[in-house]
Protein backbone atom coordinates (compact mmCIF):
# COMPACT_ATOMS: atom_id res chain seq x y z
CA MET A 1 0.55 -0.18 0.18
CA THR A 2 1.39 3.59 -1.55
CA LYS A 3 1.66 6.26 1.97
CA ASP A 4 -1.47 8.47 -0.60
CA GLN A 5 -3.15 4.91 -0.74
CA GLN A 6 -2.85 3.61 2.61
CA GLN A 7 -3.45 7.81 4.00
CA LYS A 8 -6.96 7.99 1.87
CA TYR A 9 -7.84 4.34 4.37
CA ILE A 10 -7.37 6.83 8.10
CA GLN A 11 -9.11 9.62 6.45
CA GLY A 12 -12.86 7.00 4.76
CA GLN A 13 -12.11 5.17 8.81
CA ARG A 14 -11.96 7.99 10.63
CA GLN A 15 -15.29 9.43 8.13
CA ALA A 16 -16.43 6.03 8.78
CA TRP A 17 -16.37 7.00 12.92
CA LEU A 18 -17.57 10.89 12.16
CA SER A 19 -20.46 9.45 10.63
CA MET A 20 -21.57 7.12 13.40
CA LEU A 21 -20.89 9.50 15.97
CA LYS A 22 -22.99 11.73 14.20
CA ASN A 23 -25.60 9.29 14.26
CA CYS A 24 -25.04 8.34 17.67
CA LEU A 25 -24.86 11.35 18.88
CA LYS A 26 -28.56 12.31 17.34
CA GLU A 27 -30.32 9.24 18.61
CA LEU A 28 -28.91 10.21 22.51
CA ASP A 29 -30.92 14.07 22.11
CA PHE A 30 -27.23 15.06 23.05
CA ASP A 31 -28.36 18.36 21.56
CA ASP A 32 -30.07 19.04 25.49
CA LEU A 33 -27.12 17.40 27.75
CA GLU A 34 -26.13 20.28 30.12
CA GLY A 35 -21.84 21.86 29.42
CA LYS A 36 -20.96 19.27 26.89
CA ALA A 37 -22.39 19.86 24.30
CA TRP A 38 -19.85 22.57 22.65
CA GLN A 39 -17.44 20.55 23.10
CA VAL A 40 -18.84 17.43 20.86
CA GLN A 41 -19.45 20.54 18.59
CA TRP A 42 -16.35 21.23 18.61
CA ALA A 43 -14.93 18.36 18.01
CA LEU A 44 -16.71 17.33 14.89
CA GLU A 45 -16.26 20.80 13.73
CA ARG A 46 -12.62 19.59 13.54
CA GLU A 47 -12.22 17.13 12.55
CA MET A 48 -14.64 18.63 9.54
CA ILE A 49 -12.13 20.96 8.98
CA VAL A 50 -9.39 18.00 9.46
CA GLN A 51 -10.81 16.66 6.04
CA LYS A 52 -11.11 19.55 4.25
CA LEU A 53 -7.12 20.03 5.24
CA ARG A 54 -6.55 16.77 4.56
CA GLU A 55 -8.20 17.27 0.21
CA VAL A 56 -6.64 20.59 0.39
CA CYS A 57 -2.35 19.13 1.30
CA HIS A 58 -3.20 16.40 -1.10
CA HIS A 59 -3.47 19.18 -4.04
CA PHE A 60 -1.95 22.23 -3.26
CA GLY A 61 0.61 21.92 0.39
CA ASP A 62 1.71 17.91 1.80
CA ASN A 63 -0.25 15.19 4.46
CA ASP A 64 2.85 14.98 6.35
CA TRP A 65 1.44 15.15 9.99
CA PRO A 66 -0.73 13.77 12.44
CA GLU A 67 -4.03 14.36 13.33
CA ASN A 68 -4.21 16.38 16.50
CA LEU A 69 -1.55 18.53 15.14
CA ASN A 70 -2.28 22.41 15.38
CA LEU A 71 -4.50 23.38 12.41
CA ALA A 72 -3.08 26.69 12.87
CA HIS A 73 1.05 24.95 12.28
CA VAL A 74 -0.26 22.52 9.31
CA ILE A 75 -2.20 25.81 7.66
CA GLU A 76 1.84 27.53 8.24
CA ASN A 77 4.16 24.08 7.56
CA HIS A 78 2.42 22.30 6.06
CA LEU A 79 0.61 24.33 3.08
CA ASN A 80 1.18 27.74 2.95
CA ARG A 81 4.65 27.44 2.96
CA HIS A 82 3.83 25.21 -0.22
CA LEU A 83 1.34 27.58 -1.80
CA ARG A 84 4.07 30.05 -1.84
CA SER A 85 6.86 28.29 -3.49
């Protein structure tokens, strides 16, 4: 399996987990729970941002960064530098 194929496989896995999590939270009426809804919403939103950054970095930068890396660092070092060069 090439590095690109492996990355696509991992992205597919993460998309599947994200989809299942969204369905679980919907079925559990998670929006009604006090104090935690914003944390879950943030986690879901961050995961979607990471997926989009992976797509853009694939075409215009590099994907040599871990999923938990600071997003500003990803944009600066793995996308912006490639766009400026």
